[in-house]
């Protein structure tokens, strides 16, 4: 292992141990930093001797490759964190990335679904599946996903213990091992209760055969021991076809976006939504505020004195006229 490779490994270990970085995050850091290391090697330099000019030249190289703005921003973020770590750990006497401004990230509105589209998916889920157990499980998966806004990885790895006792709230373990409580709506509680009744019968049958019971709410015979993200992605695509909802619009993540968007559109506080989604920073949640525009416009048109006066002048009615 080269010294530079060891340096990256040490940085990744620190991210995992001290900050609780998720496996996917660590994998992305590793890919980005390996690419930077290889590029530096082509310039007969290494990570130890990289200068601000080297890093800027690398970003120009990434741009010339046609990499997306978000990808370039992510790579610079990984490099910045590596050199901040190296400086703090005294592996370098300076931080060559500290003054570099990145390309930023394009502010894209998250794809979402209308309330009618979600209703069609939820109504179809109890009829979608090969057998009664699959249909009951699918109904529970969809109800929990939309009722809580969980990430798909959080949903499929829910422990069976979290759902015992007809809970009003679920304890969810999110990114970095951080835990949060999410409330369940009455329909979600009912779907969960129905699935648990079947789930318990399945576990009793396994124990009777001398087999080990699974610790997951959505168990699977696969290596992971639980329903995988990939399998759930396939399920939700098939469900969208049955529900006559455009499959290109439907992913587990668009259901999470729908959860946040519909809550905000119906008056929920942004800080509450931040807590429910498990966002560390409210700035991440603020992307959903685009849905407020129509609601704020309607609020002004319905209640502002000039708007109500204009309606009276035009011969229209106001809410106070009918009283």
Protein backbone atom coordinates (compact mmCIF):
# COMPACT_ATOMS: atom_id res chain seq x y z
CA UNK A 1 0.00 0.00 0.00
CA UNK A 2 1.45 3.40 -0.98
CA UNK A 3 1.76 6.21 1.55
CA UNK A 4 -0.96 8.18 -0.24
CA UNK A 5 -3.31 5.18 -0.23
CA UNK A 6 -2.65 4.71 3.48
CA UNK A 7 -3.40 8.40 4.00
CA UNK A 8 -6.79 8.05 2.34
CA UNK A 9 -7.57 4.90 4.33
CA UNK A 10 -6.73 6.70 7.58
CA UNK A 11 -9.01 9.58 6.61
CA UNK A 12 -11.88 7.19 5.82
CA UNK A 13 -11.41 5.34 9.09
CA UNK A 14 -11.60 8.64 10.97
CA UNK A 15 -14.77 9.62 9.12
CA UNK A 16 -16.39 6.33 10.08
CA UNK A 17 -15.22 6.32 13.71
CA UNK A 18 -15.58 9.98 14.68
CA UNK A 19 -18.44 11.21 12.48
CA UNK A 20 -20.33 7.96 11.93
CA UNK A 21 -20.24 8.38 8.14
CA UNK A 22 -22.49 5.94 6.30
CA UNK A 23 -21.04 3.18 4.11
CA UNK A 24 -22.32 4.82 0.92
CA UNK A 25 -20.71 8.13 1.91
CA UNK A 26 -17.38 6.46 2.62
CA UNK A 27 -17.53 4.62 -0.70
CA UNK A 28 -18.13 7.90 -2.55
CA UNK A 29 -15.21 9.59 -0.73
CA UNK A 30 -12.95 6.69 -1.63
CA UNK A 31 -13.84 6.76 -5.34
CA UNK A 32 -13.37 10.52 -5.59
CA UNK A 33 -10.08 10.59 -3.72
CA UNK A 34 -8.70 7.62 -5.67
CA UNK A 35 -9.47 9.47 -8.90
CA UNK A 36 -7.65 12.56 -7.62
CA UNK A 37 -4.71 10.41 -6.47
CA UNK A 38 -4.41 8.76 -9.90
CA UNK A 39 -4.60 12.12 -11.67
CA UNK A 40 -1.88 13.51 -9.42
CA UNK A 41 0.25 10.46 -10.18
CA UNK A 42 0.01 11.29 -13.86
CA UNK A 43 1.56 14.67 -13.11
CA UNK A 44 4.44 13.01 -11.19
CA UNK A 45 3.05 14.47 -7.97
CA UNK A 46 1.33 12.92 -5.00
CA UNK A 47 -1.23 13.93 -2.38
CA UNK A 48 1.49 15.05 0.03
CA UNK A 49 2.89 17.69 -2.32
CA UNK A 50 -0.35 18.86 -3.97
CA UNK A 51 -0.73 22.62 -4.19
CA UNK A 52 -3.75 24.86 -4.61
CA UNK A 53 -2.85 25.12 -8.30
CA UNK A 54 -2.84 21.32 -8.62
CA UNK A 55 -6.32 21.04 -7.14
CA UNK A 56 -7.63 23.83 -9.38
CA UNK A 57 -6.08 22.11 -12.41
CA UNK A 58 -7.80 18.87 -11.39
CA UNK A 59 -11.18 20.63 -11.25
CA UNK A 60 -10.55 22.03 -14.75
CA UNK A 61 -9.73 18.49 -15.87
CA UNK A 62 -13.03 17.22 -14.39
CA UNK A 63 -14.91 19.99 -16.19
CA UNK A 64 -13.19 19.11 -19.48
CA UNK A 65 -14.34 15.53 -19.02
CA UNK A 66 -17.91 16.76 -19.05
CA UNK A 67 -18.63 15.78 -15.45
CA UNK A 68 -21.82 17.20 -13.98
CA UNK A 69 -21.64 20.25 -11.75
CA UNK A 70 -22.84 18.20 -8.80
CA UNK A 71 -20.12 15.57 -9.37
CA UNK A 72 -17.39 18.21 -9.51
CA UNK A 73 -18.73 19.82 -6.34
CA UNK A 74 -18.76 16.45 -4.59
CA UNK A 75 -15.18 15.69 -5.61
CA UNK A 76 -13.96 19.04 -4.35
CA UNK A 77 -15.80 18.46 -1.09
CA UNK A 78 -13.97 15.14 -0.61
CA UNK A 79 -10.60 16.80 -1.36
CA UNK A 80 -11.32 19.66 1.03
CA UNK A 81 -12.18 17.27 3.83
CA UNK A 82 -9.09 15.16 3.19
CA UNK A 83 -6.76 18.15 3.44
CA UNK A 84 -8.56 19.60 6.43
CA UNK A 85 -8.06 16.22 8.12
CA UNK A 86 -4.39 16.16 7.08
CA UNK A 87 -3.81 19.67 8.44
CA UNK A 88 -5.58 18.97 11.75
CA UNK A 89 -3.65 15.72 12.18
CA UNK A 90 -0.37 17.51 11.30
CA UNK A 91 0.22 15.33 8.28
CA UNK A 92 0.66 18.57 6.35
CA UNK A 93 1.65 22.00 7.57
CA UNK A 94 -0.90 23.72 5.34
CA UNK A 95 -4.28 23.16 3.70
CA UNK A 96 -4.01 23.71 -0.07
CA UNK A 97 -7.78 23.41 -0.60
CA UNK A 98 -8.93 25.99 1.93
CA UNK A 99 -9.22 28.92 -0.50
CA UNK A 100 -10.70 27.07 -3.47
CA UNK A 101 -14.26 27.94 -4.44
CA UNK A 102 -16.16 25.11 -6.00
CA UNK A 103 -18.66 25.03 -8.83
CA UNK A 104 -21.54 24.82 -6.35
CA UNK A 105 -24.55 22.63 -6.88
CA UNK A 106 -27.42 23.29 -9.22
CA UNK A 107 -30.57 23.90 -7.23
CA UNK A 108 -32.90 21.27 -8.61
CA UNK A 109 -36.39 20.81 -7.32
CA UNK A 110 -36.94 17.24 -6.18
CA UNK A 111 -39.24 15.12 -8.32
CA UNK A 112 -42.41 14.33 -6.48
CA UNK A 113 -45.91 12.90 -6.90
CA UNK A 114 -49.33 14.47 -6.57
CA UNK A 115 -51.61 13.49 -3.72
CA UNK A 116 -53.87 11.72 -6.23
CA UNK A 117 -50.96 9.67 -7.61
CA UNK A 118 -49.91 8.64 -4.11
CA UNK A 119 -53.50 7.68 -3.28
CA UNK A 120 -53.63 5.42 -6.34
CA UNK A 121 -50.39 3.72 -5.30
CA UNK A 122 -51.62 3.18 -1.74
CA UNK A 123 -55.00 1.88 -2.92
CA UNK A 124 -53.35 -0.55 -5.36
CA UNK A 125 -50.66 -1.91 -3.01
CA UNK A 126 -53.00 -4.29 -1.08
CA UNK A 127 -53.90 -5.98 -4.40
CA UNK A 128 -50.34 -6.13 -5.76
CA UNK A 129 -48.34 -9.30 -5.14
CA UNK A 130 -48.09 -13.02 -5.87
CA UNK A 131 -49.89 -14.17 -2.74
CA UNK A 132 -51.73 -12.78 0.32
CA UNK A 133 -48.51 -12.43 2.31
CA UNK A 134 -46.77 -10.45 -0.44
CA UNK A 135 -49.80 -8.22 -0.89
CA UNK A 136 -50.02 -7.52 2.83
CA UNK A 137 -46.29 -6.77 3.00
CA UNK A 138 -46.45 -4.45 -0.01
CA UNK A 139 -49.37 -2.54 1.52
CA UNK A 140 -47.37 -2.11 4.72
CA UNK A 141 -44.22 -1.01 2.88
CA UNK A 142 -46.06 1.69 0.95
CA UNK A 143 -48.07 2.89 3.93
CA UNK A 144 -44.98 3.24 6.11
CA UNK A 145 -42.91 4.89 3.39
CA UNK A 146 -45.46 7.62 2.69
CA UNK A 147 -46.56 8.04 6.31
CA UNK A 148 -43.02 8.56 7.64
CA UNK A 149 -40.87 9.82 4.76
CA UNK A 150 -38.19 7.27 5.62
CA UNK A 151 -35.27 6.64 3.33
CA UNK A 152 -35.64 3.29 1.59
CA UNK A 153 -32.53 1.95 3.38
CA UNK A 154 -34.12 2.87 6.71
CA UNK A 155 -37.38 1.20 5.75
CA UNK A 156 -36.05 -2.16 4.56
CA UNK A 157 -33.71 -2.52 7.57
CA UNK A 158 -36.34 -1.76 10.21
CA UNK A 159 -35.92 -4.25 13.06
CA UNK A 160 -38.94 -6.31 14.02
CA UNK A 161 -38.58 -5.04 17.59
CA UNK A 162 -39.32 -1.47 16.48
CA UNK A 163 -42.84 -2.45 15.41
CA UNK A 164 -43.92 -4.50 18.42
CA UNK A 165 -46.80 -3.38 20.62
CA UNK A 166 -48.91 -1.40 18.13
CA UNK A 167 -46.64 1.67 18.30
CA UNK A 168 -47.80 5.24 17.73
CA UNK A 169 -44.23 6.07 16.68
CA UNK A 170 -41.33 4.20 15.11
CA UNK A 171 -37.71 4.53 16.16
CA UNK A 172 -35.70 4.94 12.94
CA UNK A 173 -31.93 4.66 12.67
CA UNK A 174 -30.75 7.06 9.96
CA UNK A 175 -27.49 8.22 8.44
CA UNK A 176 -24.49 7.97 10.70
CA UNK A 177 -26.46 5.82 13.14
CA UNK A 178 -28.53 8.79 14.30
CA UNK A 179 -31.92 7.85 15.68
CA UNK A 180 -35.21 9.73 15.38
CA UNK A 181 -38.84 9.10 16.24
CA UNK A 182 -41.45 9.29 13.47
CA UNK A 183 -45.21 9.18 14.16
CA UNK A 184 -47.53 6.75 12.39
CA UNK A 185 -50.87 7.73 10.91
CA UNK A 186 -53.89 5.49 11.69
CA UNK A 187 -53.83 3.87 8.20
CA UNK A 188 -50.11 3.14 8.57
CA UNK A 189 -50.66 1.63 12.03
CA UNK A 190 -53.39 -0.59 10.64
CA UNK A 191 -51.24 -1.72 7.69
CA UNK A 192 -48.42 -2.46 10.13
CA UNK A 193 -50.72 -4.43 12.44
CA UNK A 194 -52.03 -6.51 9.51
CA UNK A 195 -48.50 -7.30 8.36
CA UNK A 196 -47.31 -8.13 11.88
CA UNK A 197 -50.11 -10.69 12.27
CA UNK A 198 -48.89 -12.48 9.14
CA UNK A 199 -45.24 -11.89 10.02
CA UNK A 200 -45.67 -13.51 13.45
CA UNK A 201 -47.36 -16.55 11.91
CA UNK A 202 -44.42 -16.92 9.51
CA UNK A 203 -41.92 -16.71 12.37
CA UNK A 204 -43.84 -19.28 14.44
CA UNK A 205 -43.77 -21.68 11.49
CA UNK A 206 -40.00 -21.21 11.10
CA UNK A 207 -39.36 -21.84 14.78
CA UNK A 208 -41.48 -24.99 14.62
CA UNK A 209 -39.14 -26.22 11.87
CA UNK A 210 -36.11 -25.38 13.98
CA UNK A 211 -35.12 -22.40 11.84
CA UNK A 212 -33.82 -19.08 13.19
CA UNK A 213 -36.31 -16.21 13.18
CA UNK A 214 -35.32 -13.05 11.33
CA UNK A 215 -34.69 -9.84 13.28
CA UNK A 216 -36.06 -7.66 10.46
CA UNK A 217 -39.61 -6.46 9.93
CA UNK A 218 -39.34 -7.16 6.19
CA UNK A 219 -37.38 -10.39 6.22
CA UNK A 220 -35.85 -12.08 3.20
CA UNK A 221 -34.05 -15.35 2.57
CA UNK A 222 -31.26 -13.46 0.80
CA UNK A 223 -27.79 -12.77 2.17
CA UNK A 224 -28.79 -9.43 3.71
CA UNK A 225 -31.58 -11.06 5.70
CA UNK A 226 -34.02 -8.33 4.75
CA UNK A 227 -35.74 -7.00 1.64
CA UNK A 228 -33.09 -5.22 -0.41
CA UNK A 229 -33.28 -1.69 -1.80
CA UNK A 230 -33.01 -3.10 -5.32
CA UNK A 231 -35.90 -5.51 -4.80
CA UNK A 232 -38.09 -2.79 -3.33
CA UNK A 233 -37.24 -0.57 -6.31
CA UNK A 234 -38.49 -3.33 -8.62
CA UNK A 235 -41.66 -3.75 -6.55
CA UNK A 236 -42.53 -0.07 -6.62
CA UNK A 237 -42.04 0.10 -10.40
CA UNK A 238 -44.40 -2.83 -10.90
CA UNK A 239 -46.89 -1.29 -8.51
CA UNK A 240 -46.87 2.01 -10.39
CA UNK A 241 -47.85 0.23 -13.60
CA UNK A 242 -50.77 -1.47 -11.85
CA UNK A 243 -51.82 1.86 -10.32
CA UNK A 244 -51.64 3.66 -13.69
CA UNK A 245 -48.99 6.07 -12.44
CA UNK A 246 -46.05 6.88 -14.72
CA UNK A 247 -43.27 4.44 -13.62
CA UNK A 248 -40.61 7.00 -14.57
CA UNK A 249 -41.93 9.25 -11.81
CA UNK A 250 -42.13 6.61 -9.10
CA UNK A 251 -39.15 5.65 -6.95
CA UNK A 252 -38.81 5.14 -3.20
CA UNK A 253 -37.19 8.56 -3.03
CA UNK A 254 -40.06 10.34 -4.80
CA UNK A 255 -42.37 8.95 -2.11
CA UNK A 256 -40.07 10.54 0.48
CA UNK A 257 -40.24 13.82 -1.44
CA UNK A 258 -44.03 13.52 -1.69
CA UNK A 259 -44.23 13.06 2.09
CA UNK A 260 -42.33 16.32 2.69
CA UNK A 261 -43.99 18.28 -0.10
CA UNK A 262 -47.53 17.34 0.89
CA UNK A 263 -46.89 18.09 4.56
CA UNK A 264 -45.52 21.53 3.75
CA UNK A 265 -48.33 22.29 1.31
CA UNK A 266 -50.85 21.49 4.04
CA UNK A 267 -49.31 23.79 6.62
CA UNK A 268 -46.60 21.77 8.42
CA UNK A 269 -43.65 23.65 9.91
CA UNK A 270 -40.35 23.34 8.04
CA UNK A 271 -38.44 22.50 11.24
CA UNK A 272 -40.84 19.65 11.98
CA UNK A 273 -40.34 18.26 8.48
CA UNK A 274 -36.56 18.54 8.96
CA UNK A 275 -36.82 16.41 12.10
CA UNK A 276 -39.08 13.83 10.46
CA UNK A 277 -36.80 13.47 7.43
CA UNK A 278 -33.67 13.22 9.58
CA UNK A 279 -31.91 16.15 7.91
CA UNK A 280 -28.96 17.43 9.93
CA UNK A 281 -29.34 20.95 8.48
CA UNK A 282 -32.59 22.79 7.77
CA UNK A 283 -30.95 24.14 4.60
CA UNK A 284 -31.36 20.66 3.11
CA UNK A 285 -35.08 20.77 3.88
CA UNK A 286 -35.55 24.26 2.43
CA UNK A 287 -35.55 22.88 -1.11
CA UNK A 288 -39.18 21.92 -0.49
CA UNK A 289 -40.27 25.51 0.06
CA UNK A 290 -41.10 25.85 -3.64
CA UNK A 291 -44.51 24.38 -2.78
CA UNK A 292 -45.22 27.38 -0.55
CA UNK A 293 -45.51 29.78 -3.48
CA UNK A 294 -49.02 28.79 -4.52
CA UNK A 295 -50.21 28.62 -0.91
CA UNK A 296 -48.81 32.04 -0.07
CA UNK A 297 -50.33 33.56 -3.20
CA UNK A 298 -53.74 32.11 -2.32
CA UNK A 299 -53.35 33.38 1.26
CA UNK A 300 -52.74 36.93 0.05
CA UNK A 301 -55.57 36.79 -2.48
CA UNK A 302 -58.02 35.48 0.12
CA UNK A 303 -57.13 37.69 3.06
CA UNK A 304 -55.28 40.87 2.03
CA UNK A 305 -57.52 43.99 2.39
CA UNK A 306 -56.73 45.26 -1.13
CA UNK A 307 -57.61 41.89 -2.66
CA UNK A 308 -60.93 41.64 -0.82
CA UNK A 309 -61.75 45.26 -1.70
CA UNK A 310 -61.08 44.55 -5.37
CA UNK A 311 -63.47 41.60 -5.27
CA UNK A 312 -66.20 43.73 -3.68
CA UNK A 313 -65.72 46.38 -6.34
CA UNK A 314 -66.02 43.72 -9.03
CA UNK A 315 -69.23 42.46 -7.48
CA UNK A 316 -67.74 39.27 -6.07
CA UNK A 317 -68.19 37.90 -2.57
CA UNK A 318 -65.74 37.54 0.30
CA UNK A 319 -65.73 35.22 3.24
CA UNK A 320 -66.97 38.02 5.48
CA UNK A 321 -69.82 39.00 3.10
CA UNK A 322 -71.66 35.80 3.80
CA UNK A 323 -71.66 36.30 7.57
